[in-house]
Amino acid sequence: MHTIHLRDPWQHEPTKDGTRWLRSFHRPTGLTDGVTVWLVISGPSTAVSLNGQQLSASSDEAAARFDVTSMLTERNRMAIVVEGETASAGGRAFDVWLEIDG
């Protein structure tokens, strides 16, 4: 398994209930048939979307994993909403990475 951490740069914007975190990333290179790409989010989140498609609406999970293999394009845009958080209170309260399995 190969891991790609999605660290900075993240953009953020306030919502009525918290903060929406935004990040773009390229499709990993060298993906072949039989390879699965997982998006993993560790930490609080209430809504997750990739390329405009909703992935999750649960804030109770410590870490969430999503098979995003078929959703990846050459350039991807992810949005994560964290309720009750304000970006000015500090950095992100979550970590995000891709796991390439296969």
PDB file of N, CA and C in Angstrom:
ATOM      1  N   MET A   1       0.855  -1.179   0.000  1.00  0.00           N
ATOM      2  CA  MET A   1       0.000   0.000   0.000  1.00  0.00           C
ATOM      3  C   MET A   1       0.897   1.237   0.000  1.00  0.00           C
ATOM      4  N   HIS A   2       0.472   2.222  -0.777  1.00  0.00           N
ATOM      5  CA  HIS A   2       1.186   3.497  -0.863  1.00  0.00           C
ATOM      6  C   HIS A   2       0.274   4.586  -0.287  1.00  0.00           C
ATOM      7  N   THR A   3       0.836   5.490   0.506  1.00  0.00           N
ATOM      8  CA  THR A   3       0.065   6.548   1.152  1.00  0.00           C
ATOM      9  C   THR A   3       0.531   7.912   0.665  1.00  0.00           C
ATOM     10  N   ILE A   4      -0.432   8.772   0.342  1.00  0.00           N
ATOM     11  CA  ILE A   4      -0.153  10.157  -0.039  1.00  0.00           C
ATOM     12  C   ILE A   4      -0.908  11.063   0.927  1.00  0.00           C
ATOM     13  N   HIS A   5      -0.183  11.801   1.760  1.00  0.00           N
ATOM     14  CA  HIS A   5      -0.813  12.715   2.714  1.00  0.00           C
ATOM     15  C   HIS A   5      -1.178  14.022   2.012  1.00  0.00           C
ATOM     16  N   LEU A   6      -2.391  14.493   2.233  1.00  0.00           N
ATOM     17  CA  LEU A   6      -2.865  15.744   1.641  1.00  0.00           C
ATOM     18  C   LEU A   6      -2.711  16.851   2.673  1.00  0.00           C
ATOM     19  N   ARG A   7      -1.517  17.357   2.756  1.00  0.00           N
ATOM     20  CA  ARG A   7      -1.196  18.421   3.709  1.00  0.00           C
ATOM     21  C   ARG A   7      -1.496  19.768   3.072  1.00  0.00           C
ATOM     22  N   ASP A   8      -0.897  20.818   3.569  1.00  0.00           N
ATOM     23  CA  ASP A   8      -1.115  22.151   3.029  1.00  0.00           C
ATOM     24  C   ASP A   8      -0.694  22.205   1.568  1.00  0.00           C
ATOM     25  N   PRO A   9      -1.323  23.067   0.778  1.00  0.00           N
ATOM     26  CA  PRO A   9      -2.180  24.183   1.161  1.00  0.00           C
ATOM     27  C   PRO A   9      -3.671  23.825   1.154  1.00  0.00           C
ATOM     28  N   TRP A  10      -4.354  24.194   2.196  1.00  0.00           N
ATOM     29  CA  TRP A  10      -5.809  24.103   2.303  1.00  0.00           C
ATOM     30  C   TRP A  10      -6.361  25.525   2.307  1.00  0.00           C
ATOM     31  N   GLN A  11      -7.495  25.711   1.680  1.00  0.00           N
ATOM     32  CA  GLN A  11      -8.223  26.974   1.778  1.00  0.00           C
ATOM     33  C   GLN A  11      -9.368  26.742   2.748  1.00  0.00           C
ATOM     34  N   HIS A  12      -9.868  27.803   3.345  1.00  0.00           N
ATOM     35  CA  HIS A  12     -11.012  27.653   4.235  1.00  0.00           C
ATOM     36  C   HIS A  12     -11.938  28.844   4.096  1.00  0.00           C
ATOM     37  N   GLU A  13     -13.197  28.571   4.385  1.00  0.00           N
ATOM     38  CA  GLU A  13     -14.208  29.626   4.337  1.00  0.00           C
ATOM     39  C   GLU A  13     -15.239  29.343   5.422  1.00  0.00           C
ATOM     40  N   PRO A  14     -15.739  30.396   6.032  1.00  0.00           N
ATOM     41  CA  PRO A  14     -16.745  30.187   7.079  1.00  0.00           C
ATOM     42  C   PRO A  14     -18.079  29.756   6.481  1.00  0.00           C
ATOM     43  N   THR A  15     -18.795  28.945   7.232  1.00  0.00           N
ATOM     44  CA  THR A  15     -20.177  28.608   6.905  1.00  0.00           C
ATOM     45  C   THR A  15     -21.014  29.075   8.089  1.00  0.00           C
ATOM     46  N   LYS A  16     -22.317  28.969   7.980  1.00  0.00           N
ATOM     47  CA  LYS A  16     -23.161  29.411   9.096  1.00  0.00           C
ATOM     48  C   LYS A  16     -22.960  28.543  10.335  1.00  0.00           C
ATOM     49  N   ASP A  17     -22.455  27.303  10.145  1.00  0.00           N
ATOM     50  CA  ASP A  17     -22.302  26.376  11.265  1.00  0.00           C
ATOM     51  C   ASP A  17     -20.865  26.039  11.623  1.00  0.00           C
ATOM     52  N   GLY A  18     -19.893  26.506  10.857  1.00  0.00           N
ATOM     53  CA  GLY A  18     -18.510  26.131  11.131  1.00  0.00           C
ATOM     54  C   GLY A  18     -17.574  26.605  10.034  1.00  0.00           C
ATOM     55  N   THR A  19     -16.732  25.675   9.534  1.00  0.00           N
ATOM     56  CA  THR A  19     -15.749  26.009   8.516  1.00  0.00           C
ATOM     57  C   THR A  19     -15.753  24.951   7.419  1.00  0.00           C
ATOM     58  N   ARG A  20     -15.686  25.409   6.169  1.00  0.00           N
ATOM     59  CA  ARG A  20     -15.527  24.514   5.028  1.00  0.00           C
ATOM     60  C   ARG A  20     -14.066  24.593   4.596  1.00  0.00           C
ATOM     61  N   TRP A  21     -13.401  23.442   4.579  1.00  0.00           N
ATOM     62  CA  TRP A  21     -12.011  23.335   4.158  1.00  0.00           C
ATOM     63  C   TRP A  21     -11.983  22.793   2.734  1.00  0.00           C
ATOM     64  N   LEU A  22     -11.167  23.419   1.875  1.00  0.00           N
ATOM     65  CA  LEU A  22     -11.111  23.070   0.457  1.00  0.00           C
ATOM     66  C   LEU A  22      -9.671  22.759   0.055  1.00  0.00           C
ATOM     67  N   ARG A  23      -9.528  21.717  -0.770  1.00  0.00           N
ATOM     68  CA  ARG A  23      -8.194  21.386  -1.266  1.00  0.00           C
ATOM     69  C   ARG A  23      -8.314  20.699  -2.615  1.00  0.00           C
ATOM     70  N   SER A  24      -7.433  21.084  -3.520  1.00  0.00           N
ATOM     71  CA  SER A  24      -7.345  20.452  -4.823  1.00  0.00           C
ATOM     72  C   SER A  24      -6.135  19.523  -4.832  1.00  0.00           C
ATOM     73  N   PHE A  25      -6.223  18.459  -5.639  1.00  0.00           N
ATOM     74  CA  PHE A  25      -5.082  17.561  -5.800  1.00  0.00           C
ATOM     75  C   PHE A  25      -5.207  16.846  -7.142  1.00  0.00           C
ATOM     76  N   HIS A  26      -4.069  16.419  -7.648  1.00  0.00           N
ATOM     77  CA  HIS A  26      -4.032  15.689  -8.914  1.00  0.00           C
ATOM     78  C   HIS A  26      -4.294  14.205  -8.684  1.00  0.00           C
ATOM     79  N   ARG A  27      -4.764  13.563  -9.724  1.00  0.00           N
ATOM     80  CA  ARG A  27      -4.950  12.108  -9.704  1.00  0.00           C
ATOM     81  C   ARG A  27      -3.574  11.465  -9.578  1.00  0.00           C
ATOM     82  N   PRO A  28      -3.406  10.510  -8.666  1.00  0.00           N
ATOM     83  CA  PRO A  28      -2.109   9.840  -8.558  1.00  0.00           C
ATOM     84  C   PRO A  28      -1.738   9.182  -9.891  1.00  0.00           C
ATOM     85  N   THR A  29      -0.471   9.197 -10.205  1.00  0.00           N
ATOM     86  CA  THR A  29      -0.012   8.611 -11.458  1.00  0.00           C
ATOM     87  C   THR A  29       0.207   7.106 -11.303  1.00  0.00           C
ATOM     88  N   GLY A  30       0.233   6.417 -12.420  1.00  0.00           N
ATOM     89  CA  GLY A  30       0.559   5.007 -12.427  1.00  0.00           C
ATOM     90  C   GLY A  30      -0.536   4.079 -11.949  1.00  0.00           C
ATOM     91  N   LEU A  31      -1.778   4.561 -11.866  1.00  0.00           N
ATOM     92  CA  LEU A  31      -2.871   3.692 -11.429  1.00  0.00           C
ATOM     93  C   LEU A  31      -3.215   2.711 -12.544  1.00  0.00           C
ATOM     94  N   THR A  32      -3.350   1.456 -12.185  1.00  0.00           N
ATOM     95  CA  THR A  32      -3.672   0.414 -13.152  1.00  0.00           C
ATOM     96  C   THR A  32      -4.952  -0.293 -12.730  1.00  0.00           C
ATOM     97  N   ASP A  33      -5.466  -1.161 -13.604  1.00  0.00           N
ATOM     98  CA  ASP A  33      -6.649  -1.952 -13.262  1.00  0.00           C
ATOM     99  C   ASP A  33      -6.363  -2.754 -11.998  1.00  0.00           C
ATOM    100  N   GLY A  34      -7.349  -2.896 -11.160  1.00  0.00           N
ATOM    101  CA  GLY A  34      -7.197  -3.657  -9.920  1.00  0.00           C
ATOM    102  C   GLY A  34      -6.679  -2.852  -8.757  1.00  0.00           C
ATOM    103  N   VAL A  35      -6.353  -1.574  -8.978  1.00  0.00           N
ATOM    104  CA  VAL A  35      -5.884  -0.701  -7.902  1.00  0.00           C
ATOM    105  C   VAL A  35      -7.079   0.057  -7.333  1.00  0.00           C
ATOM    106  N   THR A  36      -7.141   0.137  -6.011  1.00  0.00           N
ATOM    107  CA  THR A  36      -8.195   0.893  -5.339  1.00  0.00           C
ATOM    108  C   THR A  36      -7.567   2.094  -4.651  1.00  0.00           C
ATOM    109  N   VAL A  37      -8.207   3.260  -4.798  1.00  0.00           N
ATOM    110  CA  VAL A  37      -7.749   4.473  -4.131  1.00  0.00           C
ATOM    111  C   VAL A  37      -8.771   4.829  -3.061  1.00  0.00           C
ATOM    112  N   TRP A  38      -8.303   4.885  -1.823  1.00  0.00           N
ATOM    113  CA  TRP A  38      -9.149   5.220  -0.675  1.00  0.00           C
ATOM    114  C   TRP A  38      -8.839   6.628  -0.217  1.00  0.00           C
ATOM    115  N   LEU A  39      -9.871   7.416   0.049  1.00  0.00           N
ATOM    116  CA  LEU A  39      -9.743   8.711   0.704  1.00  0.00           C
ATOM    117  C   LEU A  39     -10.010   8.468   2.177  1.00  0.00           C
ATOM    118  N   VAL A  40      -9.048   8.810   3.032  1.00  0.00           N
ATOM    119  CA  VAL A  40      -9.171   8.557   4.466  1.00  0.00           C
ATOM    120  C   VAL A  40      -9.124   9.894   5.194  1.00  0.00           C
ATOM    121  N   ILE A  41     -10.098  10.096   6.093  1.00  0.00           N
ATOM    122  CA  ILE A  41     -10.182  11.326   6.875  1.00  0.00           C
ATOM    123  C   ILE A  41     -10.217  10.940   8.341  1.00  0.00           C
ATOM    124  N   SER A  42      -9.237  11.431   9.086  1.00  0.00           N
ATOM    125  CA  SER A  42      -9.155  11.160  10.506  1.00  0.00           C
ATOM    126  C   SER A  42      -9.451  12.451  11.259  1.00  0.00           C
ATOM    127  N   GLY A  43     -10.512  12.456  12.024  1.00  0.00           N
ATOM    128  CA  GLY A  43     -10.895  13.646  12.765  1.00  0.00           C
ATOM    129  C   GLY A  43     -12.324  14.018  12.472  1.00  0.00           C
ATOM    130  N   PRO A  44     -12.784  15.089  13.067  1.00  0.00           N
ATOM    131  CA  PRO A  44     -14.200  15.457  12.931  1.00  0.00           C
ATOM    132  C   PRO A  44     -14.522  16.006  11.548  1.00  0.00           C
ATOM    133  N   SER A  45     -15.651  15.596  11.028  1.00  0.00           N
ATOM    134  CA  SER A  45     -16.179  16.181   9.799  1.00  0.00           C
ATOM    135  C   SER A  45     -17.671  15.896   9.769  1.00  0.00           C
ATOM    136  N   THR A  46     -18.418  16.803   9.182  1.00  0.00           N
ATOM    137  CA  THR A  46     -19.859  16.598   9.092  1.00  0.00           C
ATOM    138  C   THR A  46     -20.315  16.402   7.664  1.00  0.00           C
ATOM    139  N   ALA A  47     -19.500  16.836   6.710  1.00  0.00           N
ATOM    140  CA  ALA A  47     -19.831  16.646   5.305  1.00  0.00           C
ATOM    141  C   ALA A  47     -18.534  16.584   4.516  1.00  0.00           C
ATOM    142  N   VAL A  48     -18.454  15.630   3.608  1.00  0.00           N
ATOM    143  CA  VAL A  48     -17.279  15.452   2.770  1.00  0.00           C
ATOM    144  C   VAL A  48     -17.757  15.308   1.334  1.00  0.00           C
ATOM    145  N   SER A  49     -17.129  16.035   0.420  1.00  0.00           N
ATOM    146  CA  SER A  49     -17.458  15.860  -0.992  1.00  0.00           C
ATOM    147  C   SER A  49     -16.177  15.849  -1.808  1.00  0.00           C
ATOM    148  N   LEU A  50     -16.238  15.134  -2.921  1.00  0.00           N
ATOM    149  CA  LEU A  50     -15.130  15.074  -3.860  1.00  0.00           C
ATOM    150  C   LEU A  50     -15.700  15.353  -5.241  1.00  0.00           C
ATOM    151  N   ASN A  51     -15.155  16.374  -5.882  1.00  0.00           N
ATOM    152  CA  ASN A  51     -15.610  16.779  -7.216  1.00  0.00           C
ATOM    153  C   ASN A  51     -17.121  17.009  -7.246  1.00  0.00           C
ATOM    154  N   GLY A  52     -17.637  17.595  -6.172  1.00  0.00           N
ATOM    155  CA  GLY A  52     -19.048  17.945  -6.088  1.00  0.00           C
ATOM    156  C   GLY A  52     -19.971  16.813  -5.688  1.00  0.00           C
ATOM    157  N   GLN A  53     -19.431  15.634  -5.461  1.00  0.00           N
ATOM    158  CA  GLN A  53     -20.246  14.475  -5.086  1.00  0.00           C
ATOM    159  C   GLN A  53     -20.105  14.206  -3.588  1.00  0.00           C
ATOM    160  N   GLN A  54     -21.233  14.175  -2.881  1.00  0.00           N
ATOM    161  CA  GLN A  54     -21.254  13.963  -1.429  1.00  0.00           C
ATOM    162  C   GLN A  54     -20.740  12.567  -1.069  1.00  0.00           C
ATOM    163  N   LEU A  55     -19.838  12.492  -0.078  1.00  0.00           N
ATOM    164  CA  LEU A  55     -19.299  11.216   0.373  1.00  0.00           C
ATOM    165  C   LEU A  55     -19.799  10.825   1.748  1.00  0.00           C
ATOM    166  N   SER A  56     -20.002  11.809   2.637  1.00  0.00           N
ATOM    167  CA  SER A  56     -20.351  11.464   4.010  1.00  0.00           C
ATOM    168  C   SER A  56     -21.099  12.599   4.674  1.00  0.00           C
ATOM    169  N   ALA A  57     -21.897  12.233   5.666  1.00  0.00           N
ATOM    170  CA  ALA A  57     -22.573  13.247   6.480  1.00  0.00           C
ATOM    171  C   ALA A  57     -22.529  12.842   7.937  1.00  0.00           C
ATOM    172  N   SER A  58     -21.488  12.140   8.336  1.00  0.00           N
ATOM    173  CA  SER A  58     -21.390  11.642   9.703  1.00  0.00           C
ATOM    174  C   SER A  58     -20.253  12.319  10.444  1.00  0.00           C
ATOM    175  N   SER A  59     -20.534  12.798  11.648  1.00  0.00           N
ATOM    176  CA  SER A  59     -19.487  13.409  12.462  1.00  0.00           C
ATOM    177  C   SER A  59     -19.062  12.491  13.597  1.00  0.00           C
ATOM    178  N   ASP A  60     -19.623  11.295  13.689  1.00  0.00           N
ATOM    179  CA  ASP A  60     -19.348  10.395  14.804  1.00  0.00           C
ATOM    180  C   ASP A  60     -18.164   9.464  14.577  1.00  0.00           C
ATOM    181  N   GLU A  61     -17.663   9.376  13.352  1.00  0.00           N
ATOM    182  CA  GLU A  61     -16.593   8.451  13.051  1.00  0.00           C
ATOM    183  C   GLU A  61     -15.237   9.088  13.365  1.00  0.00           C
ATOM    184  N   ALA A  62     -14.334   8.295  13.982  1.00  0.00           N
ATOM    185  CA  ALA A  62     -12.993   8.791  14.258  1.00  0.00           C
ATOM    186  C   ALA A  62     -12.184   8.888  12.966  1.00  0.00           C
ATOM    187  N   ALA A  63     -12.366   7.913  12.068  1.00  0.00           N
ATOM    188  CA  ALA A  63     -11.717   7.937  10.759  1.00  0.00           C
ATOM    189  C   ALA A  63     -12.687   7.333   9.748  1.00  0.00           C
ATOM    190  N   ALA A  64     -12.823   7.992   8.632  1.00  0.00           N
ATOM    191  CA  ALA A  64     -13.730   7.520   7.582  1.00  0.00           C
ATOM    192  C   ALA A  64     -12.900   7.173   6.357  1.00  0.00           C
ATOM    193  N   ARG A  65     -13.286   6.087   5.676  1.00  0.00           N
ATOM    194  CA  ARG A  65     -12.608   5.635   4.452  1.00  0.00           C
ATOM    195  C   ARG A  65     -13.623   5.552   3.322  1.00  0.00           C
ATOM    196  N   PHE A  66     -13.230   6.101   2.177  1.00  0.00           N
ATOM    197  CA  PHE A  66     -14.108   6.107   1.008  1.00  0.00           C
ATOM    198  C   PHE A  66     -13.347   5.600  -0.204  1.00  0.00           C
ATOM    199  N   ASP A  67     -13.932   4.664  -0.929  1.00  0.00           N
ATOM    200  CA  ASP A  67     -13.361   4.202  -2.188  1.00  0.00           C
ATOM    201  C   ASP A  67     -13.690   5.266  -3.230  1.00  0.00           C
ATOM    202  N   VAL A  68     -12.680   6.004  -3.677  1.00  0.00           N
ATOM    203  CA  VAL A  68     -12.886   7.101  -4.626  1.00  0.00           C
ATOM    204  C   VAL A  68     -12.272   6.797  -5.989  1.00  0.00           C
ATOM    205  N   THR A  69     -11.897   5.552  -6.202  1.00  0.00           N
ATOM    206  CA  THR A  69     -11.201   5.160  -7.430  1.00  0.00           C
ATOM    207  C   THR A  69     -11.927   5.654  -8.674  1.00  0.00           C
ATOM    208  N   SER A  70     -13.212   5.392  -8.769  1.00  0.00           N
ATOM    209  CA  SER A  70     -13.964   5.743  -9.980  1.00  0.00           C
ATOM    210  C   SER A  70     -14.315   7.232 -10.058  1.00  0.00           C
ATOM    211  N   MET A  71     -14.113   7.966  -8.982  1.00  0.00           N
ATOM    212  CA  MET A  71     -14.464   9.388  -8.944  1.00  0.00           C
ATOM    213  C   MET A  71     -13.311  10.310  -9.325  1.00  0.00           C
ATOM    214  N   LEU A  72     -12.103   9.769  -9.366  1.00  0.00           N
ATOM    215  CA  LEU A  72     -10.938  10.607  -9.591  1.00  0.00           C
ATOM    216  C   LEU A  72     -10.856  11.097 -11.019  1.00  0.00           C
ATOM    217  N   THR A  73     -10.524  12.378 -11.157  1.00  0.00           N
ATOM    218  CA  THR A  73     -10.258  12.989 -12.453  1.00  0.00           C
ATOM    219  C   THR A  73      -8.805  13.475 -12.424  1.00  0.00           C
ATOM    220  N   GLU A  74      -8.336  14.055 -13.499  1.00  0.00           N
ATOM    221  CA  GLU A  74      -6.955  14.546 -13.511  1.00  0.00           C
ATOM    222  C   GLU A  74      -6.732  15.590 -12.420  1.00  0.00           C
ATOM    223  N   ARG A  75      -7.721  16.446 -12.199  1.00  0.00           N
ATOM    224  CA  ARG A  75      -7.646  17.479 -11.155  1.00  0.00           C
ATOM    225  C   ARG A  75      -8.890  17.326 -10.289  1.00  0.00           C
ATOM    226  N   ASN A  76      -8.709  17.150  -8.981  1.00  0.00           N
ATOM    227  CA  ASN A  76      -9.805  16.864  -8.057  1.00  0.00           C
ATOM    228  C   ASN A  76      -9.947  17.979  -7.037  1.00  0.00           C
ATOM    229  N   ARG A  77     -11.181  18.178  -6.588  1.00  0.00           N
ATOM    230  CA  ARG A  77     -11.491  19.223  -5.599  1.00  0.00           C
ATOM    231  C   ARG A  77     -12.263  18.579  -4.456  1.00  0.00           C
ATOM    232  N   MET A  78     -11.724  18.684  -3.254  1.00  0.00           N
ATOM    233  CA  MET A  78     -12.338  18.103  -2.068  1.00  0.00           C
ATOM    234  C   MET A  78     -12.810  19.227  -1.142  1.00  0.00           C
ATOM    235  N   ALA A  79     -13.953  18.992  -0.500  1.00  0.00           N
ATOM    236  CA  ALA A  79     -14.478  19.927   0.496  1.00  0.00           C
ATOM    237  C   ALA A  79     -14.849  19.138   1.740  1.00  0.00           C
ATOM    238  N   ILE A  80     -14.425  19.650   2.893  1.00  0.00           N
ATOM    239  CA  ILE A  80     -14.738  19.029   4.181  1.00  0.00           C
ATOM    240  C   ILE A  80     -15.301  20.115   5.081  1.00  0.00           C
ATOM    241  N   VAL A  81     -16.486  19.871   5.624  1.00  0.00           N
ATOM    242  CA  VAL A  81     -17.109  20.830   6.542  1.00  0.00           C
ATOM    243  C   VAL A  81     -16.975  20.298   7.960  1.00  0.00           C
ATOM    244  N   VAL A  82     -16.505  21.183   8.846  1.00  0.00           N
ATOM    245  CA  VAL A  82     -16.392  20.847  10.266  1.00  0.00           C
ATOM    246  C   VAL A  82     -17.293  21.807  11.030  1.00  0.00           C
ATOM    247  N   GLU A  83     -18.351  21.266  11.629  1.00  0.00           N
ATOM    248  CA  GLU A  83     -19.296  22.091  12.376  1.00  0.00           C
ATOM    249  C   GLU A  83     -18.658  22.626  13.649  1.00  0.00           C
ATOM    250  N   GLY A  84     -19.040  23.850  14.005  1.00  0.00           N
ATOM    251  CA  GLY A  84     -18.620  24.434  15.263  1.00  0.00           C
ATOM    252  C   GLY A  84     -17.174  24.867  15.297  1.00  0.00           C
ATOM    253  N   GLU A  85     -16.443  24.698  14.217  1.00  0.00           N
ATOM    254  CA  GLU A  85     -15.036  25.077  14.167  1.00  0.00           C
ATOM    255  C   GLU A  85     -14.901  26.375  13.398  1.00  0.00           C
ATOM    256  N   THR A  86     -14.011  27.227  13.843  1.00  0.00           N
ATOM    257  CA  THR A  86     -13.672  28.412  13.077  1.00  0.00           C
ATOM    258  C   THR A  86     -12.199  28.349  12.731  1.00  0.00           C
ATOM    259  N   ALA A  87     -11.870  28.685  11.517  1.00  0.00           N
ATOM    260  CA  ALA A  87     -10.486  28.587  11.057  1.00  0.00           C
ATOM    261  C   ALA A  87      -9.551  29.463  11.870  1.00  0.00           C
ATOM    262  N   SER A  88     -10.054  30.570  12.407  1.00  0.00           N
ATOM    263  CA  SER A  88      -9.194  31.460  13.181  1.00  0.00           C
ATOM    264  C   SER A  88      -8.797  30.860  14.528  1.00  0.00           C
ATOM    265  N   ALA A  89      -9.488  29.785  14.934  1.00  0.00           N
ATOM    266  CA  ALA A  89      -9.170  29.157  16.216  1.00  0.00           C
ATOM    267  C   ALA A  89      -7.927  28.280  16.122  1.00  0.00           C
ATOM    268  N   GLY A  90      -7.364  28.115  14.951  1.00  0.00           N
ATOM    269  CA  GLY A  90      -6.173  27.294  14.792  1.00  0.00           C
ATOM    270  C   GLY A  90      -6.207  26.568  13.473  1.00  0.00           C
ATOM    271  N   GLY A  91      -5.354  25.579  13.344  1.00  0.00           N
ATOM    272  CA  GLY A  91      -5.272  24.812  12.110  1.00  0.00           C
ATOM    273  C   GLY A  91      -6.393  23.801  11.994  1.00  0.00           C
ATOM    274  N   ARG A  92      -6.280  22.972  10.977  1.00  0.00           N
ATOM    275  CA  ARG A  92      -7.269  21.932  10.744  1.00  0.00           C
ATOM    276  C   ARG A  92      -7.307  20.949  11.910  1.00  0.00           C
ATOM    277  N   ALA A  93      -8.500  20.445  12.212  1.00  0.00           N
ATOM    278  CA  ALA A  93      -8.677  19.463  13.289  1.00  0.00           C
ATOM    279  C   ALA A  93      -8.756  18.048  12.719  1.00  0.00           C
ATOM    280  N   PHE A  94      -8.290  17.855  11.493  1.00  0.00           N
ATOM    281  CA  PHE A  94      -8.381  16.551  10.845  1.00  0.00           C
ATOM    282  C   PHE A  94      -7.153  16.342   9.954  1.00  0.00           C
ATOM    283  N   ASP A  95      -6.902  15.086   9.622  1.00  0.00           N
ATOM    284  CA  ASP A  95      -5.862  14.722   8.659  1.00  0.00           C
ATOM    285  C   ASP A  95      -6.527  13.995   7.503  1.00  0.00           C
ATOM    286  N   VAL A  96      -5.958  14.142   6.313  1.00  0.00           N
ATOM    287  CA  VAL A  96      -6.514  13.510   5.119  1.00  0.00           C
ATOM    288  C   VAL A  96      -5.372  12.882   4.329  1.00  0.00           C
ATOM    289  N   TRP A  97      -5.625  11.668   3.832  1.00  0.00           N
ATOM    290  CA  TRP A  97      -4.645  11.028   2.965  1.00  0.00           C
ATOM    291  C   TRP A  97      -5.321  10.086   1.998  1.00  0.00           C
ATOM    292  N   LEU A  98      -4.574   9.743   0.952  1.00  0.00           N
ATOM    293  CA  LEU A  98      -5.011   8.737  -0.015  1.00  0.00           C
ATOM    294  C   LEU A  98      -4.221   7.470   0.235  1.00  0.00           C
ATOM    295  N   GLU A  99      -4.899   6.335   0.209  1.00  0.00           N
ATOM    296  CA  GLU A  99      -4.238   5.041   0.286  1.00  0.00           C
ATOM    297  C   GLU A  99      -4.448   4.350  -1.054  1.00  0.00           C
ATOM    298  N   ILE A 100      -3.351   3.966  -1.681  1.00  0.00           N
ATOM    299  CA  ILE A 100      -3.414   3.278  -2.965  1.00  0.00           C
ATOM    300  C   ILE A 100      -3.111   1.816  -2.696  1.00  0.00           C
ATOM    301  N   ASP A 101      -4.120   0.991  -2.952  1.00  0.00           N
ATOM    302  CA  ASP A 101      -4.062  -0.425  -2.583  1.00  0.00           C
ATOM    303  C   ASP A 101      -4.219  -1.292  -3.825  1.00  0.00           C
ATOM    304  N   GLY A 102      -3.276  -2.167  -4.036  1.00  0.00           N
ATOM    305  CA  GLY A 102      -3.415  -3.071  -5.156  1.00  0.00           C
ATOM    306  C   GLY A 102      -2.192  -3.353  -5.853  1.00  0.00           C
TER     307      GLY A 102
END
